[in-house]
Protein backbone atom coordinates (compact mmCIF):
# COMPACT_ATOMS: atom_id res chain seq x y z
CA UNK A 1 -10.05 23.13 -11.84
CA UNK A 2 -13.79 23.84 -11.68
CA UNK A 3 -14.38 20.87 -9.39
CA UNK A 4 -11.73 22.13 -6.98
CA UNK A 5 -13.21 25.65 -6.99
CA UNK A 6 -16.80 24.51 -6.47
CA UNK A 7 -15.76 21.77 -4.06
CA UNK A 8 -13.98 24.27 -1.84
CA UNK A 9 -10.61 22.55 -2.25
CA UNK A 10 -8.94 25.40 -4.11
CA UNK A 11 -7.86 28.14 -1.72
CA UNK A 12 -7.27 31.73 -2.86
CA UNK A 13 -3.72 33.10 -3.00
CA UNK A 14 -3.66 35.85 -0.38
CA UNK A 15 -1.10 38.65 -0.05
CA UNK A 16 1.28 38.62 2.91
CA UNK A 17 4.35 40.57 3.96
CA UNK A 18 7.32 38.56 5.14
CA UNK A 19 6.84 37.45 8.70
CA UNK A 20 9.21 39.35 10.99
CA UNK A 21 11.44 37.28 13.27
CA UNK A 22 10.62 39.71 16.08
CA UNK A 23 8.91 43.01 16.55
CA UNK A 24 11.20 45.96 17.12
CA UNK A 25 8.87 47.53 19.71
CA UNK A 26 6.02 46.69 22.05
CA UNK A 27 3.51 46.30 19.18
CA UNK A 28 3.50 42.83 17.56
CA UNK A 29 3.65 43.01 13.76
CA UNK A 30 1.06 40.70 12.24
CA UNK A 31 1.07 39.52 8.63
CA UNK A 32 -1.07 37.24 6.54
CA UNK A 33 1.37 34.44 7.36
CA UNK A 34 1.46 34.75 11.17
CA UNK A 35 -1.94 36.28 11.93
CA UNK A 36 -3.87 33.13 12.82
CA UNK A 37 -1.13 31.61 14.96
CA UNK A 38 -1.00 34.79 17.08
CA UNK A 39 -4.51 36.28 16.99
CA UNK A 40 -6.32 32.97 17.33
CA UNK A 41 -4.16 31.68 20.21
CA UNK A 42 -6.76 30.61 22.79
CA UNK A 43 -4.34 31.41 25.64
CA UNK A 44 -4.09 35.08 24.69
CA UNK A 45 -6.25 38.11 24.12
CA UNK A 46 -5.02 39.93 21.02
CA UNK A 47 -6.07 43.51 20.27
CA UNK A 48 -5.29 44.37 16.65
CA UNK A 49 -5.08 47.67 14.79
CA UNK A 50 -5.86 47.15 11.10
CA UNK A 51 -4.23 50.06 9.29
CA UNK A 52 -3.06 51.49 5.98
CA UNK A 53 0.35 53.23 5.88
CA UNK A 54 -1.06 56.11 3.81
CA UNK A 55 -4.05 56.73 6.15
CA UNK A 56 -3.83 59.99 8.12
CA UNK A 57 -6.08 58.69 10.92
CA UNK A 58 -3.85 55.60 11.22
CA UNK A 59 -0.72 57.72 11.46
CA UNK A 60 -2.38 59.87 14.13
CA UNK A 61 -3.19 56.84 16.31
CA UNK A 62 0.26 55.21 16.01
CA UNK A 63 1.79 56.77 19.12
CA UNK A 64 -1.27 55.98 21.25
CA UNK A 65 -1.17 52.38 20.00
CA UNK A 66 2.45 52.07 21.14
CA UNK A 67 1.40 53.42 24.56
CA UNK A 68 -1.36 50.79 24.76
CA UNK A 69 1.16 48.04 23.98
CA UNK A 70 3.59 49.45 26.54
CA UNK A 71 0.84 49.47 29.17
CA UNK A 72 0.18 45.73 28.64
CA UNK A 73 3.83 44.76 28.12
CA UNK A 74 4.03 42.89 31.44
CA UNK A 75 0.90 40.82 30.68
CA UNK A 76 1.89 37.62 28.86
CA UNK A 77 -1.79 36.88 28.14
CA UNK A 78 -2.35 40.12 26.16
CA UNK A 79 -0.85 40.99 22.78
CA UNK A 80 -1.24 44.37 21.09
CA UNK A 81 -0.71 43.98 17.36
CA UNK A 82 -0.91 45.84 14.09
CA UNK A 83 -1.81 44.51 10.64
CA UNK A 84 -1.13 46.38 7.40
CA UNK A 85 -4.35 45.81 5.50
CA UNK A 86 -2.89 47.08 2.22
CA UNK A 87 -0.13 44.49 1.87
CA UNK A 88 -1.71 41.56 3.73
CA UNK A 89 -4.98 39.70 3.27
CA UNK A 90 -7.03 37.33 5.40
CA UNK A 91 -9.72 35.04 4.08
CA UNK A 92 -11.91 35.12 7.18
CA UNK A 93 -11.45 38.63 8.64
CA UNK A 94 -13.06 41.60 6.92
CA UNK A 95 -12.17 45.23 7.48
CA UNK A 96 -14.13 47.90 5.67
CA UNK A 97 -12.22 50.98 6.85
CA UNK A 98 -8.88 52.07 8.24
CA UNK A 99 -8.16 52.23 11.05
CA UNK A 100 -10.20 49.35 12.46
CA UNK A 101 -9.71 47.66 15.81
CA UNK A 102 -10.62 44.09 16.76
CA UNK A 103 -10.11 42.09 19.92
CA UNK A 104 -9.57 38.35 19.46
CA UNK A 105 -10.07 36.10 22.47
CA UNK A 106 -11.56 32.67 23.23
CA UNK A 107 -12.40 32.08 19.55
CA UNK A 108 -14.41 35.33 19.49
CA UNK A 109 -13.90 38.62 17.70
CA UNK A 110 -15.14 41.90 19.15
CA UNK A 111 -15.08 45.06 17.05
CA UNK A 112 -13.98 48.19 18.89
CA UNK A 113 -15.83 51.40 18.06
CA UNK A 114 -15.10 53.58 21.09
CA UNK A 115 -12.95 56.64 21.52
CA UNK A 116 -9.42 56.47 20.17
CA UNK A 117 -7.76 57.42 23.44
CA UNK A 118 -5.27 55.57 25.60
CA UNK A 119 -7.72 55.25 28.49
CA UNK A 120 -10.55 53.99 26.29
CA UNK A 121 -8.39 51.33 24.63
CA UNK A 122 -7.01 50.13 27.98
CA UNK A 123 -10.49 49.99 29.56
CA UNK A 124 -11.85 48.03 26.61
CA UNK A 125 -9.11 45.41 26.82
CA UNK A 126 -9.26 45.16 30.61
CA UNK A 127 -13.06 44.85 30.64
CA UNK A 128 -13.02 42.00 28.14
CA UNK A 129 -9.96 40.14 29.38
CA UNK A 130 -11.18 40.16 33.00
CA UNK A 131 -14.07 37.93 31.82
CA UNK A 132 -11.60 35.25 30.74
CA UNK A 133 -9.90 34.85 34.12
């Protein structure tokens, strides 16, 4: 056991919700099980809201987040997702507050710290995804 731990061969057991077969709206539901296959897809830019269901600020941003996803719905190269940080864990992504926003593209992660408005979110995504074309 100790050799596996110190040798890096023993991986931690991380929490994950069940992976949904589909998302019921424009926002892609991400879990510990499907996060890497979606967010780390090199053909897509994935903007993720890390949230807690009990967080008042997260609840307040929910409608705007749906509007962001609706805005990019016709773009197959952009995914707007949400990740419940209270019932899912990731070994390599750290979030120290809710809500947190991260853009994943081309094996990079960019933290978003701008205004929490529809226009600001859209501009952020468009500014960064235009560099990949």
